[in-house]
Amino acid sequence: MMYRKQRNYGCRIHDRYEWDGMRVVIMENEKVRVGILPDKGAEIFEFLYKPMDLDVMWLSPNGVQNPHRYPGTYADPSTNFVDYYTGGWQEVFPNGGPPSRMKGAYFGQHGEVSQAPWDYAILCDEPERIEVAFTVHTRKYPFRLRKVLRLDKNSGKLFIREEAENLSQAELPAMWGHHIVFGPPFLEPDCIIRLPGQPVIIPHDEPTSRTGRRVGGTAVSHWPYADGPNHEKIDFSRIPPPGTKSEMLYIGNLQEGAYTLTNPRIGAQVTVTWDHKTFPYLWYWQEYGDNMDYPWYGRTYNIGLEPFSSMPTNGLQTAADRGTTLLFRAQEIKRFELTFEVGESKE
């Protein structure tokens, strides 16, 4: 591991802290501070924009917990992820959604890597640029994932380049995605989502709450509008008030991998770009406090805007049945890039 250079200016890395017994890596510069938990999936639990003292990531009511310190009260592969869910931003691989079987392996909620400990190494530690590499080997599937996070001086943009390598002689399907979730104080009613091109809305097959859903069916429609239960037009580009029904949508037909989420009241904006040829879908998860069942109990107000290789969020076998999985040939490496930028909007 590279020697950490102590600085109080420019780009810098802090990796001598712990949170609830977990290692913490802080990457920061003049504009942003990014908090990463190597021992919990290399999850990003904080993305703070310093000029506004604004963390754009959603923090769940349970906060940041160490899944290795507090054993679950019930051996349920559906809740292992949710019980320790921080909010924030997780890597999902090779299963997206509830437990699923594939090639004789049984995967829990959101796969293998989101709660596994990752190794890390500091690649560059200079005032002008910092880079940290995070690596994990999966157990049920023979894969190695490696991602490099980079910050440049005086920039609000995080660069991520990564690769997933099939270490076996077998041909293996997989789901791969970035579970990015936004919440207060950044997210509030009348925030605006903008997508380039002419994408389409694909509703999830079923409601995600017992109280019903925002859309009236599963018909595909053109972004940003879809029909509601009474055939009214709903604009899904605008964030609704608390108490609005939960929903799960998929955005397809992407001409570009890009979106912006803007809060016009406070003048803050997030811009995400990615390789849409590898991740051709954007999952749009919505929880606005209407869901009174486990695990939310009406306590949440958040959305997920999640670049993904596959759909729907029903597990790997269902995605394979629908022909949306990534197929890795023997010893194949697939690469992916993403940027995440926080700044002030021009509205």
Protein backbone atom coordinates (compact mmCIF):
# COMPACT_ATOMS: atom_id res chain seq x y z
CA MET A 1 0.00 0.00 0.00
CA MET A 2 1.29 3.43 -0.93
CA TYR A 3 2.42 5.73 1.89
CA ARG A 4 -0.24 8.29 2.75
CA LYS A 5 1.02 11.85 2.40
CA GLN A 6 -0.45 14.12 5.05
CA ARG A 7 -1.80 17.37 3.57
CA ASN A 8 -4.43 19.93 4.42
CA TYR A 9 -4.82 21.32 0.89
CA GLY A 10 -5.58 20.16 -2.65
CA CYS A 11 -6.51 16.54 -3.23
CA ARG A 12 -5.95 14.25 -0.22
CA ILE A 13 -6.72 10.80 1.15
CA HIS A 14 -7.50 9.81 4.73
CA ASP A 15 -7.57 6.08 5.48
CA ARG A 16 -6.69 5.81 9.17
CA TYR A 17 -10.24 6.08 10.49
CA GLU A 18 -12.92 3.54 11.40
CA TRP A 19 -16.70 3.63 11.51
CA ASP A 20 -18.42 0.98 13.64
CA GLY A 21 -15.36 -1.23 13.28
CA MET A 22 -15.09 -0.76 9.50
CA ARG A 23 -12.23 0.85 7.62
CA VAL A 24 -13.03 4.21 6.06
CA VAL A 25 -11.33 5.80 3.05
CA ILE A 26 -11.97 9.52 2.58
CA MET A 27 -11.14 11.09 -0.78
CA GLU A 28 -11.46 14.86 -0.88
CA ASN A 29 -10.40 18.09 -2.54
CA GLU A 30 -11.47 21.74 -2.41
CA LYS A 31 -15.00 20.93 -3.69
CA VAL A 32 -16.09 17.50 -2.45
CA ARG A 33 -15.57 14.85 0.22
CA VAL A 34 -16.30 11.22 -0.69
CA GLY A 35 -16.61 8.63 2.09
CA ILE A 36 -16.03 4.95 1.16
CA LEU A 37 -16.34 1.77 3.26
CA PRO A 38 -13.95 -0.91 1.91
CA ASP A 39 -15.22 -3.45 4.46
CA LYS A 40 -18.83 -3.02 3.26
CA GLY A 41 -18.78 -3.38 -0.49
CA ALA A 42 -16.58 -0.31 -1.10
CA GLU A 43 -19.88 1.50 -0.64
CA ILE A 44 -19.99 5.28 -0.96
CA PHE A 45 -21.91 6.47 2.09
CA GLU A 46 -21.14 10.18 1.72
CA PHE A 47 -20.75 12.56 -1.20
CA LEU A 48 -20.51 16.03 0.30
CA TYR A 49 -20.43 19.20 -1.78
CA LYS A 50 -18.37 21.51 0.42
CA PRO A 51 -19.45 24.97 -0.86
CA MET A 52 -23.04 24.18 0.27
CA ASP A 53 -22.24 21.69 3.06
CA LEU A 54 -24.60 19.40 1.11
CA ASP A 55 -24.48 15.59 1.13
CA VAL A 56 -26.48 14.40 -1.89
CA MET A 57 -26.55 10.73 -0.84
CA TRP A 58 -29.59 9.36 0.97
CA LEU A 59 -28.92 8.16 4.53
CA SER A 60 -31.35 5.46 5.63
CA PRO A 61 -33.08 5.64 9.06
CA ASN A 62 -30.80 2.82 10.26
CA GLY A 63 -27.67 4.78 9.37
CA VAL A 64 -24.28 3.20 8.64
CA GLN A 65 -24.06 -0.28 10.19
CA ASN A 66 -21.42 -2.99 10.16
CA PRO A 67 -23.06 -6.22 8.90
CA HIS A 68 -20.12 -8.23 10.20
CA ARG A 69 -20.52 -6.92 13.76
CA TYR A 70 -24.27 -7.34 14.24
CA PRO A 71 -25.52 -10.74 13.07
CA GLY A 72 -28.99 -10.91 11.56
CA THR A 73 -31.92 -12.05 13.67
CA TYR A 74 -33.24 -14.29 10.90
CA ALA A 75 -31.45 -16.19 8.14
CA ASP A 76 -33.31 -14.62 5.21
CA PRO A 77 -31.35 -13.96 1.98
CA SER A 78 -33.95 -11.35 1.02
CA THR A 79 -33.27 -9.16 4.05
CA ASN A 80 -29.52 -9.53 4.56
CA PHE A 81 -28.97 -6.58 2.25
CA VAL A 82 -31.89 -4.47 3.47
CA ASP A 83 -31.30 -4.93 7.21
CA TYR A 84 -27.89 -3.28 6.89
CA TYR A 85 -28.76 -0.93 4.05
CA THR A 86 -27.10 2.45 4.57
CA GLY A 87 -28.56 4.28 1.60
CA GLY A 88 -25.82 5.86 -0.44
CA TRP A 89 -24.24 4.01 -3.35
CA GLN A 90 -23.51 0.28 -3.72
CA GLU A 91 -22.03 -1.92 -6.44
CA VAL A 92 -24.43 -4.72 -7.45
CA PHE A 93 -23.06 -7.95 -8.95
CA PRO A 94 -23.91 -10.59 -10.19
CA ASN A 95 -27.55 -10.61 -9.03
CA GLY A 96 -29.88 -7.62 -9.05
CA GLY A 97 -32.95 -7.76 -6.86
CA PRO A 98 -34.28 -10.64 -4.73
CA PRO A 99 -32.60 -14.04 -4.26
CA SER A 100 -32.10 -16.07 -7.40
CA ARG A 101 -30.40 -19.27 -8.59
CA MET A 102 -28.01 -19.54 -11.50
CA LYS A 103 -25.51 -22.26 -12.51
CA GLY A 104 -26.22 -24.11 -9.26
CA ALA A 105 -25.41 -21.07 -7.07
CA TYR A 106 -27.98 -19.34 -4.85
CA PHE A 107 -27.52 -15.56 -4.65
CA GLY A 108 -29.00 -13.30 -1.99
CA GLN A 109 -30.50 -9.85 -2.44
CA HIS A 110 -28.33 -7.75 -4.79
CA GLY A 111 -25.64 -10.39 -5.18
CA GLU A 112 -22.21 -10.93 -3.67
CA VAL A 113 -20.18 -7.73 -3.59
CA SER A 114 -22.35 -5.07 -1.92
CA GLN A 115 -21.49 -6.20 1.64
CA ALA A 116 -18.26 -8.08 1.05
CA PRO A 117 -14.92 -6.64 2.22
CA TRP A 118 -12.85 -5.19 -0.62
CA ASP A 119 -9.10 -4.68 -0.68
CA TYR A 120 -7.79 -1.26 -1.62
CA ALA A 121 -4.54 0.34 -2.73
CA ILE A 122 -3.59 3.99 -3.15
CA LEU A 123 -2.36 4.49 -6.71
CA CYS A 124 -1.80 8.25 -6.75
CA ASP A 125 -1.60 10.71 -3.86
CA GLU A 126 -0.68 14.16 -5.09
CA PRO A 127 -2.23 17.62 -4.56
CA GLU A 128 -3.36 17.65 -8.21
CA ARG A 129 -4.86 14.14 -8.30
CA ILE A 130 -5.70 11.15 -6.11
CA GLU A 131 -6.59 7.60 -7.19
CA VAL A 132 -7.60 4.60 -5.11
CA ALA A 133 -8.19 1.08 -6.47
CA PHE A 134 -10.71 -1.28 -4.82
CA THR A 135 -10.73 -5.01 -5.58
CA VAL A 136 -12.92 -7.97 -4.59
CA HIS A 137 -13.11 -11.66 -5.51
CA THR A 138 -16.58 -13.21 -5.46
CA ARG A 139 -17.17 -16.59 -3.83
CA LYS A 140 -20.27 -18.11 -5.43
CA TYR A 141 -19.23 -16.91 -8.87
CA PRO A 142 -15.57 -16.98 -10.05
CA PHE A 143 -15.09 -13.26 -10.70
CA ARG A 144 -12.73 -10.45 -9.81
CA LEU A 145 -14.01 -6.87 -9.77
CA ARG A 146 -11.64 -3.91 -9.68
CA LYS A 147 -12.55 -0.23 -9.74
CA VAL A 148 -10.40 2.86 -9.60
CA LEU A 149 -11.82 6.08 -8.14
CA ARG A 150 -10.19 9.39 -9.10
CA LEU A 151 -10.54 13.00 -7.97
CA ASP A 152 -8.76 15.93 -9.59
CA LYS A 153 -7.84 19.24 -7.99
CA ASN A 154 -10.68 21.75 -7.51
CA SER A 155 -13.23 19.49 -9.26
CA GLY A 156 -16.61 18.22 -8.12
CA LYS A 157 -16.41 15.20 -10.43
CA LEU A 158 -15.56 11.65 -9.35
CA PHE A 159 -14.21 9.39 -12.12
CA ILE A 160 -14.72 5.62 -11.89
CA ARG A 161 -13.24 3.08 -14.25
CA GLU A 162 -13.71 -0.59 -13.52
CA GLU A 163 -13.59 -4.10 -14.83
CA ALA A 164 -15.21 -7.44 -14.10
CA GLU A 165 -13.18 -10.53 -14.99
CA ASN A 166 -14.51 -14.06 -15.38
CA LEU A 167 -11.82 -16.24 -13.80
CA SER A 168 -13.33 -19.51 -14.99
CA GLN A 169 -13.65 -21.61 -18.12
CA ALA A 170 -17.46 -21.39 -17.97
CA GLU A 171 -19.69 -18.95 -19.83
CA LEU A 172 -21.52 -16.99 -17.11
CA PRO A 173 -24.44 -14.54 -17.20
CA ALA A 174 -24.50 -11.66 -14.74
CA MET A 175 -26.33 -8.51 -13.70
CA TRP A 176 -24.13 -5.51 -12.94
CA GLY A 177 -25.18 -2.11 -11.70
CA HIS A 178 -24.65 0.96 -9.55
CA HIS A 179 -27.27 1.37 -6.82
CA ILE A 180 -27.13 5.20 -6.48
CA VAL A 181 -29.75 6.68 -4.14
CA PHE A 182 -30.50 10.34 -3.39
CA GLY A 183 -32.29 11.81 -0.41
CA PRO A 184 -32.80 14.93 1.73
CA PRO A 185 -31.64 17.59 2.14
CA PHE A 186 -30.69 17.53 -1.53
CA LEU A 187 -33.82 15.69 -2.69
CA GLU A 188 -37.11 17.49 -2.17
CA PRO A 189 -40.35 18.14 -4.10
CA ASP A 190 -39.92 19.82 -7.48
CA CYS A 191 -36.42 18.50 -8.06
CA ILE A 192 -36.07 17.76 -11.77
CA ILE A 193 -34.61 14.75 -13.62
CA ARG A 194 -33.38 15.37 -17.15
CA LEU A 195 -32.42 12.67 -19.65
CA PRO A 196 -31.04 13.24 -23.17
CA GLY A 197 -32.50 11.70 -26.30
CA GLN A 198 -35.86 9.93 -26.44
CA PRO A 199 -35.83 7.28 -23.71
CA VAL A 200 -38.84 5.21 -22.75
CA ILE A 201 -40.42 4.28 -19.42
CA ILE A 202 -40.86 0.56 -18.72
CA PRO A 203 -42.92 -0.04 -15.56
CA HIS A 204 -42.05 -2.89 -13.24
CA ASP A 205 -44.49 -5.78 -13.58
CA GLU A 206 -45.92 -5.43 -10.07
CA PRO A 207 -46.48 -2.74 -7.41
CA THR A 208 -43.73 -2.28 -4.82
CA SER A 209 -46.21 -1.31 -2.08
CA ARG A 210 -49.51 -2.72 -0.82
CA THR A 211 -51.10 0.70 -1.26
CA GLY A 212 -50.84 0.51 -5.05
CA ARG A 213 -48.68 2.37 -7.52
CA ARG A 214 -48.33 5.59 -9.49
CA VAL A 215 -48.76 4.06 -12.96
CA GLY A 216 -51.96 2.47 -14.15
CA GLY A 217 -50.40 -0.48 -15.96
CA THR A 218 -47.26 -1.88 -17.54
CA ALA A 219 -47.46 -0.19 -20.95
CA VAL A 220 -44.24 1.35 -22.26
CA SER A 221 -44.38 5.13 -22.69
CA HIS A 222 -42.13 7.98 -23.77
CA TRP A 223 -40.17 9.78 -21.07
CA PRO A 224 -41.13 11.67 -18.97
CA TYR A 225 -44.86 10.84 -19.10
CA ALA A 226 -46.80 7.71 -18.18
CA ASP A 227 -50.47 7.05 -17.57
CA GLY A 228 -51.69 6.99 -14.00
CA PRO A 229 -54.44 4.71 -12.61
CA ASN A 230 -57.14 7.07 -13.95
CA HIS A 231 -55.37 7.59 -17.30
CA GLU A 232 -54.02 10.95 -16.16
CA LYS A 233 -50.57 11.92 -17.41
CA ILE A 234 -47.86 11.75 -14.75
CA ASP A 235 -44.59 13.62 -15.26
CA PHE A 236 -41.92 11.36 -13.78
CA SER A 237 -39.20 13.94 -14.34
CA ARG A 238 -40.47 16.00 -11.37
CA ILE A 239 -40.11 14.74 -7.82
CA PRO A 240 -43.50 14.65 -6.02
CA PRO A 241 -44.34 15.53 -2.40
CA PRO A 242 -44.05 13.18 0.59
CA GLY A 243 -46.82 10.60 0.78
CA THR A 244 -46.79 9.86 -2.97
CA LYS A 245 -47.07 6.15 -3.76
CA SER A 246 -43.96 4.05 -4.27
CA GLU A 247 -42.92 3.01 -7.77
CA MET A 248 -40.30 1.07 -9.70
CA LEU A 249 -39.58 1.95 -13.31
CA TYR A 250 -36.87 1.19 -15.86
CA ILE A 251 -35.67 3.74 -18.40
CA GLY A 252 -34.67 2.18 -21.70
CA ASN A 253 -33.84 3.17 -25.28
CA LEU A 254 -30.97 5.31 -24.02
CA GLN A 255 -29.09 7.21 -26.71
CA GLU A 256 -26.63 8.38 -24.05
CA GLY A 257 -25.74 7.23 -20.58
CA ALA A 258 -26.42 10.48 -18.76
CA TYR A 259 -28.81 12.20 -16.40
CA THR A 260 -28.99 15.32 -14.28
CA LEU A 261 -30.90 15.70 -11.01
CA THR A 262 -31.42 19.35 -10.12
CA ASN A 263 -32.74 21.09 -7.03
CA PRO A 264 -33.73 24.51 -8.42
CA ARG A 265 -34.61 25.94 -5.01
CA ILE A 266 -31.09 25.62 -3.60
CA GLY A 267 -29.30 25.69 -6.97
CA ALA A 268 -27.57 22.30 -6.66
CA GLN A 269 -27.19 19.65 -9.36
CA VAL A 270 -25.85 16.13 -9.80
CA THR A 271 -24.73 14.91 -13.23
CA VAL A 272 -24.04 11.22 -13.85
CA THR A 273 -22.60 9.82 -17.09
CA TRP A 274 -21.77 6.22 -17.97
CA ASP A 275 -21.11 3.73 -20.74
CA HIS A 276 -24.68 2.95 -21.84
CA LYS A 277 -23.56 0.21 -24.22
CA THR A 278 -22.57 -1.87 -21.19
CA PHE A 279 -25.34 -0.52 -18.91
CA PRO A 280 -28.29 0.15 -21.26
CA TYR A 281 -30.89 0.65 -18.50
CA LEU A 282 -31.53 3.20 -15.77
CA TRP A 283 -33.46 1.86 -12.79
CA TYR A 284 -35.74 4.49 -11.22
CA TRP A 285 -36.72 3.45 -7.69
CA GLN A 286 -39.08 5.74 -5.77
CA GLU A 287 -39.95 5.72 -2.04
CA TYR A 288 -41.77 8.81 -0.83
CA GLY A 289 -43.03 7.72 2.59
CA ASP A 290 -46.23 5.96 1.53
CA ASN A 291 -44.94 2.42 2.10
CA MET A 292 -45.84 1.45 5.70
CA ASP A 293 -44.48 -2.10 5.54
CA TYR A 294 -40.99 -3.52 6.16
CA PRO A 295 -38.44 -2.05 5.86
CA TRP A 296 -39.54 1.55 5.35
CA TYR A 297 -42.57 2.07 7.62
CA GLY A 298 -43.25 5.49 6.16
CA ARG A 299 -39.85 6.85 7.24
CA THR A 300 -38.22 7.38 3.87
CA TYR A 301 -38.11 9.96 1.10
CA ASN A 302 -35.65 8.95 -1.58
CA ILE A 303 -35.12 7.92 -5.18
CA GLY A 304 -32.64 5.62 -6.85
CA LEU A 305 -31.31 6.50 -10.32
CA GLU A 306 -29.24 3.41 -11.01
CA PRO A 307 -27.33 2.60 -14.22
CA PHE A 308 -27.70 -1.15 -14.84
CA SER A 309 -26.78 -3.81 -17.34
CA SER A 310 -30.06 -5.68 -17.00
CA MET A 311 -33.69 -5.65 -15.94
CA PRO A 312 -36.01 -6.29 -14.17
CA THR A 313 -35.18 -6.28 -10.47
CA ASN A 314 -36.43 -9.84 -10.06
CA GLY A 315 -33.09 -11.60 -9.85
CA LEU A 316 -30.56 -13.07 -12.22
CA GLN A 317 -32.67 -15.96 -13.53
CA THR A 318 -35.52 -13.67 -14.58
CA ALA A 319 -33.11 -11.28 -16.31
CA ALA A 320 -31.59 -14.27 -18.13
CA ASP A 321 -35.05 -15.43 -19.18
CA ARG A 322 -35.71 -11.98 -20.64
CA GLY A 323 -32.35 -11.86 -22.41
CA THR A 324 -30.99 -8.78 -20.63
CA THR A 325 -28.01 -10.24 -18.74
CA LEU A 326 -24.38 -9.56 -19.53
CA LEU A 327 -22.80 -12.76 -20.83
CA PHE A 328 -19.16 -13.29 -19.87
CA ARG A 329 -17.22 -15.77 -21.98
CA ALA A 330 -14.52 -17.88 -20.37
CA GLN A 331 -11.89 -15.58 -18.81
CA GLU A 332 -13.48 -12.53 -20.44
CA ILE A 333 -12.98 -9.03 -18.99
CA LYS A 334 -15.67 -6.38 -19.40
CA ARG A 335 -14.85 -2.75 -18.66
CA PHE A 336 -17.05 0.14 -17.62
CA GLU A 337 -16.69 3.85 -16.86
CA LEU A 338 -18.87 6.28 -14.92
CA THR A 339 -18.60 9.87 -13.69
CA PHE A 340 -20.52 11.49 -10.85
CA GLU A 341 -20.39 15.27 -10.52
CA VAL A 342 -21.91 17.63 -7.95
CA GLY A 343 -22.07 21.36 -8.51
CA GLU A 344 -24.27 24.42 -8.74
CA SER A 345 -27.03 24.55 -11.32
CA LYS A 346 -27.44 27.38 -13.79
CA GLU A 347 -31.22 27.64 -13.35
